[in-house]
PDB file of N, CA and C in Angstrom:
ATOM      1  N   UNK A   1      14.891  -3.048  12.495  1.00  0.00           N
ATOM      2  CA  UNK A   1      14.591  -3.763  11.260  1.00  0.00           C
ATOM      3  C   UNK A   1      15.894  -4.322  10.700  1.00  0.00           C
ATOM      4  N   UNK A   2      15.907  -5.592  10.415  1.00  0.00           N
ATOM      5  CA  UNK A   2      17.118  -6.214   9.885  1.00  0.00           C
ATOM      6  C   UNK A   2      17.226  -5.976   8.384  1.00  0.00           C
ATOM      7  N   UNK A   3      18.438  -6.117   7.824  1.00  0.00           N
ATOM      8  CA  UNK A   3      18.612  -5.913   6.385  1.00  0.00           C
ATOM      9  C   UNK A   3      17.694  -6.842   5.592  1.00  0.00           C
ATOM     10  N   UNK A   4      17.046  -6.311   4.576  1.00  0.00           N
ATOM     11  CA  UNK A   4      16.157  -7.108   3.743  1.00  0.00           C
ATOM     12  C   UNK A   4      14.741  -7.211   4.291  1.00  0.00           C
ATOM     13  N   UNK A   5      14.520  -6.750   5.528  1.00  0.00           N
ATOM     14  CA  UNK A   5      13.192  -6.797   6.115  1.00  0.00           C
ATOM     15  C   UNK A   5      12.417  -5.550   5.687  1.00  0.00           C
ATOM     16  N   UNK A   6      11.166  -5.737   5.322  1.00  0.00           N
ATOM     17  CA  UNK A   6      10.354  -4.619   4.868  1.00  0.00           C
ATOM     18  C   UNK A   6       9.724  -3.890   6.047  1.00  0.00           C
ATOM     19  N   UNK A   7       9.480  -2.612   5.835  1.00  0.00           N
ATOM     20  CA  UNK A   7       8.807  -1.775   6.817  1.00  0.00           C
ATOM     21  C   UNK A   7       7.354  -1.632   6.360  1.00  0.00           C
ATOM     22  N   UNK A   8       6.420  -2.237   7.113  1.00  0.00           N
ATOM     23  CA  UNK A   8       5.013  -2.276   6.741  1.00  0.00           C
ATOM     24  C   UNK A   8       4.199  -1.237   7.498  1.00  0.00           C
ATOM     25  N   UNK A   9       3.107  -0.804   6.882  1.00  0.00           N
ATOM     26  CA  UNK A   9       2.115   0.047   7.523  1.00  0.00           C
ATOM     27  C   UNK A   9       0.945  -0.868   7.881  1.00  0.00           C
ATOM     28  N   UNK A  10       0.911  -1.327   9.126  1.00  0.00           N
ATOM     29  CA  UNK A  10      -0.068  -2.351   9.500  1.00  0.00           C
ATOM     30  C   UNK A  10      -1.483  -1.807   9.696  1.00  0.00           C
ATOM     31  N   UNK A  11      -1.640  -0.482   9.781  1.00  0.00           N
ATOM     32  CA  UNK A  11      -2.970   0.111   9.932  1.00  0.00           C
ATOM     33  C   UNK A  11      -3.796   0.043   8.646  1.00  0.00           C
ATOM     34  N   UNK A  12      -3.144  -0.254   7.523  1.00  0.00           N
ATOM     35  CA  UNK A  12      -3.823  -0.339   6.224  1.00  0.00           C
ATOM     36  C   UNK A  12      -3.688  -1.771   5.730  1.00  0.00           C
ATOM     37  N   UNK A  13      -4.807  -2.338   5.238  1.00  0.00           N
ATOM     38  CA  UNK A  13      -4.701  -3.685   4.705  1.00  0.00           C
ATOM     39  C   UNK A  13      -5.786  -3.985   3.678  1.00  0.00           C
ATOM     40  N   UNK A  14      -5.494  -5.060   2.940  1.00  0.00           N
ATOM     41  CA  UNK A  14      -6.407  -5.637   1.956  1.00  0.00           C
ATOM     42  C   UNK A  14      -6.172  -7.146   2.041  1.00  0.00           C
ATOM     43  N   UNK A  15      -6.714  -7.897   1.095  1.00  0.00           N
ATOM     44  CA  UNK A  15      -6.532  -9.336   1.066  1.00  0.00           C
ATOM     45  C   UNK A  15      -6.122  -9.762  -0.333  1.00  0.00           C
ATOM     46  N   UNK A  16      -5.150 -10.693  -0.413  1.00  0.00           N
ATOM     47  CA  UNK A  16      -4.738 -11.191  -1.722  1.00  0.00           C
ATOM     48  C   UNK A  16      -5.738 -12.248  -2.192  1.00  0.00           C
ATOM     49  N   UNK A  17      -5.483 -12.853  -3.348  1.00  0.00           N
ATOM     50  CA  UNK A  17      -6.424 -13.808  -3.935  1.00  0.00           C
ATOM     51  C   UNK A  17      -6.617 -15.054  -3.079  1.00  0.00           C
ATOM     52  N   UNK A  18      -5.677 -15.339  -2.188  1.00  0.00           N
ATOM     53  CA  UNK A  18      -5.811 -16.506  -1.316  1.00  0.00           C
ATOM     54  C   UNK A  18      -6.466 -16.148   0.016  1.00  0.00           C
ATOM     55  N   UNK A  19      -6.777 -14.867   0.202  1.00  0.00           N
ATOM     56  CA  UNK A  19      -7.403 -14.428   1.448  1.00  0.00           C
ATOM     57  C   UNK A  19      -6.416 -13.992   2.510  1.00  0.00           C
ATOM     58  N   UNK A  20      -5.128 -13.990   2.163  1.00  0.00           N
ATOM     59  CA  UNK A  20      -4.094 -13.567   3.116  1.00  0.00           C
ATOM     60  C   UNK A  20      -4.078 -12.046   3.216  1.00  0.00           C
ATOM     61  N   UNK A  21      -3.942 -11.533   4.433  1.00  0.00           N
ATOM     62  CA  UNK A  21      -3.904 -10.090   4.667  1.00  0.00           C
ATOM     63  C   UNK A  21      -2.590  -9.530   4.131  1.00  0.00           C
ATOM     64  N   UNK A  22      -2.682  -8.422   3.388  1.00  0.00           N
ATOM     65  CA  UNK A  22      -1.512  -7.736   2.837  1.00  0.00           C
ATOM     66  C   UNK A  22      -1.510  -6.292   3.329  1.00  0.00           C
ATOM     67  N   UNK A  23      -0.309  -5.748   3.504  1.00  0.00           N
ATOM     68  CA  UNK A  23      -0.132  -4.391   4.016  1.00  0.00           C
ATOM     69  C   UNK A  23       0.827  -3.618   3.113  1.00  0.00           C
ATOM     70  N   UNK A  24       0.674  -2.290   3.047  1.00  0.00           N
ATOM     71  CA  UNK A  24       1.643  -1.487   2.299  1.00  0.00           C
ATOM     72  C   UNK A  24       3.044  -1.620   2.913  1.00  0.00           C
ATOM     73  N   UNK A  25       4.041  -1.601   2.055  1.00  0.00           N
ATOM     74  CA  UNK A  25       5.426  -1.670   2.519  1.00  0.00           C
ATOM     75  C   UNK A  25       6.244  -0.565   1.859  1.00  0.00           C
ATOM     76  N   UNK A  26       7.270  -0.138   2.571  1.00  0.00           N
ATOM     77  CA  UNK A  26       8.162   0.901   2.036  1.00  0.00           C
ATOM     78  C   UNK A  26       9.147   0.280   1.063  1.00  0.00           C
ATOM     79  N   UNK A  27       9.426   1.022  -0.008  1.00  0.00           N
ATOM     80  CA  UNK A  27      10.406   0.582  -0.981  1.00  0.00           C
ATOM     81  C   UNK A  27      11.793   0.482  -0.360  1.00  0.00           C
ATOM     82  N   UNK A  28      12.598  -0.426  -0.872  1.00  0.00           N
ATOM     83  CA  UNK A  28      13.925  -0.640  -0.306  1.00  0.00           C
ATOM     84  C   UNK A  28      15.051  -0.160  -1.221  1.00  0.00           C
ATOM     85  N   UNK A  29      14.697   0.270  -2.443  1.00  0.00           N
ATOM     86  CA  UNK A  29      15.731   0.796  -3.351  1.00  0.00           C
ATOM     87  C   UNK A  29      15.070   1.666  -4.416  1.00  0.00           C
ATOM     88  N   UNK A  30      15.894   2.357  -5.168  1.00  0.00           N
ATOM     89  CA  UNK A  30      15.396   3.207  -6.251  1.00  0.00           C
ATOM     90  C   UNK A  30      14.821   4.515  -5.752  1.00  0.00           C
ATOM     91  N   UNK A  31      14.080   5.172  -6.635  1.00  0.00           N
ATOM     92  CA  UNK A  31      13.566   6.502  -6.311  1.00  0.00           C
ATOM     93  C   UNK A  31      12.439   6.488  -5.279  1.00  0.00           C
ATOM     94  N   UNK A  32      11.886   5.321  -4.972  1.00  0.00           N
ATOM     95  CA  UNK A  32      10.846   5.226  -3.950  1.00  0.00           C
ATOM     96  C   UNK A  32      11.354   4.556  -2.666  1.00  0.00           C
ATOM     97  N   UNK A  33      12.649   4.524  -2.496  1.00  0.00           N
ATOM     98  CA  UNK A  33      13.226   3.942  -1.288  1.00  0.00           C
ATOM     99  C   UNK A  33      12.701   4.700  -0.060  1.00  0.00           C
ATOM    100  N   UNK A  34      12.164   3.959   0.902  1.00  0.00           N
ATOM    101  CA  UNK A  34      11.641   4.554   2.117  1.00  0.00           C
ATOM    102  C   UNK A  34      10.238   5.129   1.974  1.00  0.00           C
ATOM    103  N   UNK A  35       9.636   4.957   0.797  1.00  0.00           N
ATOM    104  CA  UNK A  35       8.300   5.481   0.535  1.00  0.00           C
ATOM    105  C   UNK A  35       7.353   4.349   0.135  1.00  0.00           C
ATOM    106  N   UNK A  36       6.066   4.599   0.281  1.00  0.00           N
ATOM    107  CA  UNK A  36       5.052   3.654  -0.161  1.00  0.00           C
ATOM    108  C   UNK A  36       4.724   3.958  -1.621  1.00  0.00           C
ATOM    109  N   UNK A  37       4.544   2.926  -2.443  1.00  0.00           N
ATOM    110  CA  UNK A  37       4.227   3.095  -3.863  1.00  0.00           C
ATOM    111  C   UNK A  37       2.716   3.114  -4.038  1.00  0.00           C
ATOM    112  N   UNK A  38       2.221   4.234  -4.562  1.00  0.00           N
ATOM    113  CA  UNK A  38       0.786   4.474  -4.679  1.00  0.00           C
ATOM    114  C   UNK A  38       0.458   4.877  -6.110  1.00  0.00           C
ATOM    115  N   UNK A  39      -0.709   4.451  -6.586  1.00  0.00           N
ATOM    116  CA  UNK A  39      -1.144   4.757  -7.941  1.00  0.00           C
ATOM    117  C   UNK A  39      -2.627   5.118  -7.911  1.00  0.00           C
ATOM    118  N   UNK A  40      -2.984   6.253  -8.486  1.00  0.00           N
ATOM    119  CA  UNK A  40      -4.388   6.667  -8.553  1.00  0.00           C
ATOM    120  C   UNK A  40      -4.935   6.587  -9.978  1.00  0.00           C
ATOM    121  N   UNK A  41      -4.233   5.884 -10.875  1.00  0.00           N
ATOM    122  CA  UNK A  41      -4.666   5.749 -12.265  1.00  0.00           C
ATOM    123  C   UNK A  41      -4.795   4.268 -12.613  1.00  0.00           C
ATOM    124  N   UNK A  42      -5.217   3.987 -13.825  1.00  0.00           N
ATOM    125  CA  UNK A  42      -5.261   2.604 -14.305  1.00  0.00           C
ATOM    126  C   UNK A  42      -3.938   2.196 -14.943  1.00  0.00           C
ATOM    127  N   UNK A  43      -3.007   3.107 -15.049  1.00  0.00           N
ATOM    128  CA  UNK A  43      -1.705   2.850 -15.661  1.00  0.00           C
ATOM    129  C   UNK A  43      -0.783   2.253 -14.606  1.00  0.00           C
ATOM    130  N   UNK A  44      -0.437   0.995 -14.754  1.00  0.00           N
ATOM    131  CA  UNK A  44       0.372   0.295 -13.749  1.00  0.00           C
ATOM    132  C   UNK A  44       1.812   0.789 -13.671  1.00  0.00           C
ATOM    133  N   UNK A  45       2.204   1.664 -14.567  1.00  0.00           N
ATOM    134  CA  UNK A  45       3.570   2.204 -14.535  1.00  0.00           C
ATOM    135  C   UNK A  45       3.611   3.586 -13.891  1.00  0.00           C
ATOM    136  N   UNK A  46       2.517   4.048 -13.335  1.00  0.00           N
ATOM    137  CA  UNK A  46       2.431   5.396 -12.777  1.00  0.00           C
ATOM    138  C   UNK A  46       2.361   5.399 -11.249  1.00  0.00           C
ATOM    139  N   UNK A  47       3.199   4.639 -10.616  1.00  0.00           N
ATOM    140  CA  UNK A  47       3.244   4.643  -9.156  1.00  0.00           C
ATOM    141  C   UNK A  47       4.092   5.815  -8.687  1.00  0.00           C
ATOM    142  N   UNK A  48       3.649   6.459  -7.633  1.00  0.00           N
ATOM    143  CA  UNK A  48       4.400   7.565  -7.043  1.00  0.00           C
ATOM    144  C   UNK A  48       4.734   7.205  -5.600  1.00  0.00           C
ATOM    145  N   UNK A  49       5.819   7.756  -5.109  1.00  0.00           N
ATOM    146  CA  UNK A  49       6.218   7.526  -3.727  1.00  0.00           C
ATOM    147  C   UNK A  49       5.493   8.457  -2.777  1.00  0.00           C
ATOM    148  N   UNK A  50       5.048   7.913  -1.646  1.00  0.00           N
ATOM    149  CA  UNK A  50       4.385   8.722  -0.621  1.00  0.00           C
ATOM    150  C   UNK A  50       4.919   8.338   0.750  1.00  0.00           C
ATOM    151  N   UNK A  51       5.021   9.327   1.614  1.00  0.00           N
ATOM    152  CA  UNK A  51       5.364   9.062   3.004  1.00  0.00           C
ATOM    153  C   UNK A  51       4.133   8.469   3.691  1.00  0.00           C
ATOM    154  N   UNK A  52       4.324   7.977   4.900  1.00  0.00           N
ATOM    155  CA  UNK A  52       3.189   7.450   5.663  1.00  0.00           C
ATOM    156  C   UNK A  52       2.147   8.542   5.883  1.00  0.00           C
ATOM    157  N   UNK A  53       2.591   9.744   6.248  1.00  0.00           N
ATOM    158  CA  UNK A  53       1.650  10.848   6.480  1.00  0.00           C
ATOM    159  C   UNK A  53       0.867  11.189   5.213  1.00  0.00           C
ATOM    160  N   UNK A  54       1.537  11.210   4.068  1.00  0.00           N
ATOM    161  CA  UNK A  54       0.859  11.508   2.808  1.00  0.00           C
ATOM    162  C   UNK A  54      -0.158  10.419   2.446  1.00  0.00           C
ATOM    163  N   UNK A  55       0.219   9.167   2.673  1.00  0.00           N
ATOM    164  CA  UNK A  55      -0.666   8.050   2.365  1.00  0.00           C
ATOM    165  C   UNK A  55      -1.905   8.083   3.258  1.00  0.00           C
ATOM    166  N   UNK A  56      -1.717   8.285   4.539  1.00  0.00           N
ATOM    167  CA  UNK A  56      -2.843   8.365   5.472  1.00  0.00           C
ATOM    168  C   UNK A  56      -3.737   9.558   5.128  1.00  0.00           C
ATOM    169  N   UNK A  57      -3.135  10.686   4.772  1.00  0.00           N
ATOM    170  CA  UNK A  57      -3.921  11.865   4.381  1.00  0.00           C
ATOM    171  C   UNK A  57      -4.745  11.565   3.127  1.00  0.00           C
ATOM    172  N   UNK A  58      -4.175  10.846   2.170  1.00  0.00           N
ATOM    173  CA  UNK A  58      -4.907  10.485   0.953  1.00  0.00           C
ATOM    174  C   UNK A  58      -6.086   9.563   1.274  1.00  0.00           C
ATOM    175  N   UNK A  59      -5.875   8.616   2.172  1.00  0.00           N
ATOM    176  CA  UNK A  59      -6.965   7.729   2.586  1.00  0.00           C
ATOM    177  C   UNK A  59      -8.067   8.545   3.258  1.00  0.00           C
ATOM    178  N   UNK A  60      -7.687   9.406   4.196  1.00  0.00           N
ATOM    179  CA  UNK A  60      -8.666  10.203   4.931  1.00  0.00           C
ATOM    180  C   UNK A  60      -9.384  11.221   4.047  1.00  0.00           C
ATOM    181  N   UNK A  61      -8.760  11.612   2.944  1.00  0.00           N
ATOM    182  CA  UNK A  61      -9.377  12.550   2.004  1.00  0.00           C
ATOM    183  C   UNK A  61     -10.298  11.838   1.010  1.00  0.00           C
ATOM    184  N   UNK A  62     -10.375  10.517   1.095  1.00  0.00           N
ATOM    185  CA  UNK A  62     -11.255   9.761   0.202  1.00  0.00           C
ATOM    186  C   UNK A  62     -10.665   9.462  -1.159  1.00  0.00           C
ATOM    187  N   UNK A  63      -9.349   9.588  -1.310  1.00  0.00           N
ATOM    188  CA  UNK A  63      -8.704   9.374  -2.616  1.00  0.00           C
ATOM    189  C   UNK A  63      -8.847   7.944  -3.138  1.00  0.00           C
ATOM    190  N   UNK A  64      -9.102   6.969  -2.257  1.00  0.00           N
ATOM    191  CA  UNK A  64      -9.190   5.569  -2.681  1.00  0.00           C
ATOM    192  C   UNK A  64     -10.632   5.089  -2.819  1.00  0.00           C
ATOM    193  N   UNK A  65     -11.601   5.999  -2.755  1.00  0.00           N
ATOM    194  CA  UNK A  65     -13.003   5.593  -2.842  1.00  0.00           C
ATOM    195  C   UNK A  65     -13.343   4.983  -4.196  1.00  0.00           C
ATOM    196  N   UNK A  66     -12.855   5.565  -5.275  1.00  0.00           N
ATOM    197  CA  UNK A  66     -13.205   5.104  -6.619  1.00  0.00           C
ATOM    198  C   UNK A  66     -12.070   4.375  -7.333  1.00  0.00           C
ATOM    199  N   UNK A  67     -10.852   4.747  -7.036  1.00  0.00           N
ATOM    200  CA  UNK A  67      -9.705   4.199  -7.763  1.00  0.00           C
ATOM    201  C   UNK A  67      -8.464   4.375  -6.911  1.00  0.00           C
ATOM    202  N   UNK A  68      -7.502   3.528  -7.142  1.00  0.00           N
ATOM    203  CA  UNK A  68      -6.227   3.659  -6.459  1.00  0.00           C
ATOM    204  C   UNK A  68      -5.728   2.338  -5.923  1.00  0.00           C
ATOM    205  N   UNK A  69      -4.428   2.193  -5.929  1.00  0.00           N
ATOM    206  CA  UNK A  69      -3.818   0.977  -5.401  1.00  0.00           C
ATOM    207  C   UNK A  69      -2.485   1.325  -4.734  1.00  0.00           C
ATOM    208  N   UNK A  70      -2.072   0.401  -3.883  1.00  0.00           N
ATOM    209  CA  UNK A  70      -0.826   0.544  -3.133  1.00  0.00           C
ATOM    210  C   UNK A  70      -0.084  -0.776  -3.261  1.00  0.00           C
ATOM    211  N   UNK A  71       1.232  -0.721  -3.384  1.00  0.00           N
ATOM    212  CA  UNK A  71       2.021  -1.956  -3.378  1.00  0.00           C
ATOM    213  C   UNK A  71       1.934  -2.548  -1.971  1.00  0.00           C
ATOM    214  N   UNK A  72       1.444  -3.794  -1.876  1.00  0.00           N
ATOM    215  CA  UNK A  72       1.265  -4.451  -0.588  1.00  0.00           C
ATOM    216  C   UNK A  72       1.702  -5.908  -0.663  1.00  0.00           C
ATOM    217  N   UNK A  73       2.150  -6.420   0.475  1.00  0.00           N
ATOM    218  CA  UNK A  73       2.542  -7.816   0.614  1.00  0.00           C
ATOM    219  C   UNK A  73       2.138  -8.315   1.990  1.00  0.00           C
ATOM    220  N   UNK A  74       2.057  -9.649   2.160  1.00  0.00           N
ATOM    221  CA  UNK A  74       1.864 -10.179   3.511  1.00  0.00           C
ATOM    222  C   UNK A  74       3.104  -9.890   4.357  1.00  0.00           C
ATOM    223  N   UNK A  75       2.916  -9.671   5.635  1.00  0.00           N
ATOM    224  CA  UNK A  75       4.061  -9.439   6.526  1.00  0.00           C
ATOM    225  C   UNK A  75       4.958 -10.668   6.510  1.00  0.00           C
ATOM    226  N   UNK A  76       6.256 -10.432   6.433  1.00  0.00           N
ATOM    227  CA  UNK A  76       7.226 -11.515   6.417  1.00  0.00           C
ATOM    228  C   UNK A  76       7.622 -11.970   5.027  1.00  0.00           C
ATOM    229  N   UNK A  77       6.978 -11.456   3.998  1.00  0.00           N
ATOM    230  CA  UNK A  77       7.290 -11.830   2.619  1.00  0.00           C
ATOM    231  C   UNK A  77       8.246 -10.799   2.031  1.00  0.00           C
ATOM    232  N   UNK A  78       9.224 -11.263   1.280  1.00  0.00           N
ATOM    233  CA  UNK A  78      10.178 -10.361   0.643  1.00  0.00           C
ATOM    234  C   UNK A  78       9.605  -9.863  -0.680  1.00  0.00           C
ATOM    235  N   UNK A  79       9.981  -8.644  -1.084  1.00  0.00           N
ATOM    236  CA  UNK A  79       9.488  -8.132  -2.371  1.00  0.00           C
ATOM    237  C   UNK A  79       9.984  -8.974  -3.526  1.00  0.00           C
ATOM    238  N   UNK A  80       9.288  -8.877  -4.640  1.00  0.00           N
ATOM    239  CA  UNK A  80       9.683  -9.628  -5.820  1.00  0.00           C
ATOM    240  C   UNK A  80       8.468 -10.004  -6.649  1.00  0.00           C
ATOM    241  N   UNK A  81       7.311 -10.000  -6.040  1.00  0.00           N
ATOM    242  CA  UNK A  81       6.090 -10.295  -6.767  1.00  0.00           C
ATOM    243  C   UNK A  81       5.703  -9.076  -7.597  1.00  0.00           C
ATOM    244  N   UNK A  82       5.542  -9.268  -8.899  1.00  0.00           N
ATOM    245  CA  UNK A  82       5.168  -8.156  -9.763  1.00  0.00           C
ATOM    246  C   UNK A  82       3.723  -7.732  -9.538  1.00  0.00           C
ATOM    247  N   UNK A  83       2.883  -8.653  -9.209  1.00  0.00           N
ATOM    248  CA  UNK A  83       1.460  -8.366  -9.053  1.00  0.00           C
ATOM    249  C   UNK A  83       1.128  -8.199  -7.578  1.00  0.00           C
ATOM    250  N   UNK A  84       1.567  -7.092  -7.029  1.00  0.00           N
ATOM    251  CA  UNK A  84       1.334  -6.877  -5.607  1.00  0.00           C
ATOM    252  C   UNK A  84       0.701  -5.520  -5.317  1.00  0.00           C
ATOM    253  N   UNK A  85      -0.077  -5.012  -6.266  1.00  0.00           N
ATOM    254  CA  UNK A  85      -0.778  -3.746  -6.056  1.00  0.00           C
ATOM    255  C   UNK A  85      -2.237  -4.053  -5.728  1.00  0.00           C
ATOM    256  N   UNK A  86      -2.688  -3.518  -4.607  1.00  0.00           N
ATOM    257  CA  UNK A  86      -4.047  -3.764  -4.144  1.00  0.00           C
ATOM    258  C   UNK A  86      -4.706  -2.447  -3.777  1.00  0.00           C
ATOM    259  N   UNK A  87      -6.003  -2.418  -3.953  1.00  0.00           N
ATOM    260  CA  UNK A  87      -6.780  -1.294  -3.477  1.00  0.00           C
ATOM    261  C   UNK A  87      -6.958  -1.495  -1.967  1.00  0.00           C
ATOM    262  N   UNK A  88      -6.649  -0.496  -1.163  1.00  0.00           N
ATOM    263  CA  UNK A  88      -6.779  -0.680   0.278  1.00  0.00           C
ATOM    264  C   UNK A  88      -8.244  -0.880   0.671  1.00  0.00           C
ATOM    265  N   UNK A  89      -8.499  -1.825   1.558  1.00  0.00           N
ATOM    266  CA  UNK A  89      -9.867  -2.122   1.983  1.00  0.00           C
ATOM    267  C   UNK A  89     -10.155  -1.539   3.362  1.00  0.00           C
ATOM    268  N   UNK A  90      -9.160  -1.623   4.258  1.00  0.00           N
ATOM    269  CA  UNK A  90      -9.354  -1.137   5.624  1.00  0.00           C
ATOM    270  C   UNK A  90      -8.235  -0.201   6.058  1.00  0.00           C
ATOM    271  N   UNK A  91      -8.591   0.787   6.867  1.00  0.00           N
ATOM    272  CA  UNK A  91      -7.639   1.649   7.553  1.00  0.00           C
ATOM    273  C   UNK A  91      -8.099   1.739   9.000  1.00  0.00           C
ATOM    274  N   UNK A  92      -7.280   1.291   9.901  1.00  0.00           N
ATOM    275  CA  UNK A  92      -7.576   1.252  11.333  1.00  0.00           C
ATOM    276  C   UNK A  92      -8.933   0.609  11.602  1.00  0.00           C
ATOM    277  N   UNK A  93      -9.237  -0.454  10.872  1.00  0.00           N
ATOM    278  CA  UNK A  93     -10.466  -1.208  11.067  1.00  0.00           C
ATOM    279  C   UNK A  93     -11.695  -0.631  10.398  1.00  0.00           C
ATOM    280  N   UNK A  94     -11.569   0.528   9.762  1.00  0.00           N
ATOM    281  CA  UNK A  94     -12.698   1.154   9.054  1.00  0.00           C
ATOM    282  C   UNK A  94     -12.564   0.882   7.562  1.00  0.00           C
ATOM    283  N   UNK A  95     -13.684   0.672   6.900  1.00  0.00           N
ATOM    284  CA  UNK A  95     -13.659   0.462   5.454  1.00  0.00           C
ATOM    285  C   UNK A  95     -13.202   1.744   4.756  1.00  0.00           C
ATOM    286  N   UNK A  96     -12.199   1.653   3.921  1.00  0.00           N
ATOM    287  CA  UNK A  96     -11.616   2.810   3.236  1.00  0.00           C
ATOM    288  C   UNK A  96     -12.666   3.546   2.392  1.00  0.00           C
ATOM    289  N   UNK A  97     -13.536   2.821   1.738  1.00  0.00           N
ATOM    290  CA  UNK A  97     -14.536   3.449   0.878  1.00  0.00           C
ATOM    291  C   UNK A  97     -15.590   4.223   1.666  1.00  0.00           C
ATOM    292  N   UNK A  98     -15.626   4.060   2.984  1.00  0.00           N
ATOM    293  CA  UNK A  98     -16.587   4.783   3.821  1.00  0.00           C
ATOM    294  C   UNK A  98     -15.956   5.952   4.564  1.00  0.00           C
ATOM    295  N   UNK A  99     -14.663   6.173   4.359  1.00  0.00           N
ATOM    296  CA  UNK A  99     -13.953   7.273   5.017  1.00  0.00           C
ATOM    297  C   UNK A  99     -14.067   8.530   4.167  1.00  0.00           C
ATOM    298  N   UNK A 100     -14.265   9.654   4.818  1.00  0.00           N
ATOM    299  CA  UNK A 100     -14.347  10.999   4.200  1.00  0.00           C
ATOM    300  C   UNK A 100     -15.595  11.239   3.405  1.00  0.00           C
TER     301      UNK A 100
END
């Protein structure tokens, strides 16, 4: 991975308002550096850092069935968009709301 390039979790995705596929990405600085930013509340300031294993476990446990979002971007896009939190729709081709 080159400097400034994001590390994406391609097994999880949703779609932005234009229909472009977005994937969770690892933070590149701050207290969530190297972690995925996840929120299970309606408070947009309550994101917590999760490892890939923790995020996948949360998906498999059904944590995103009713509520939850992950910071996601299209592959190849640099961070900077404030409105980049999406509820995950698919994990490994399965609908997230139908898992667990």
